[in-house]
Amino acid sequence: MHHDGREPLSRADISLEAEIPEDLFNGMHEFMRSHPHWDQYRLITSALAGFLFQNGCSDRCVTQHYLDGLFMKAGSS
């Protein structure tokens, strides 16, 4: 387990660093305060999968991440 309590990255995961507008950053943190079962990793993964899926990506793994983000319940990881 990482020092921040997360499970270690699997072989299929990568680390991503990105600059985003401050308004989006603040909105992300406000959302996570209101939805404590979400973290920044889950939120970014869900947003990216949603964008790719809605813009025509037909990769099965992207579709699975998109659907997981839609149907994941509180307390799920």
Foldseek 3Di string as FASTA:
>chain_A
DDPVPDDDDDPPDDDDDDDDDPVVVVVVVVVCVVQVQDDPVLVVLQVVLVVCVVVDDPDPVSVVSPVCSVPPDRPGD
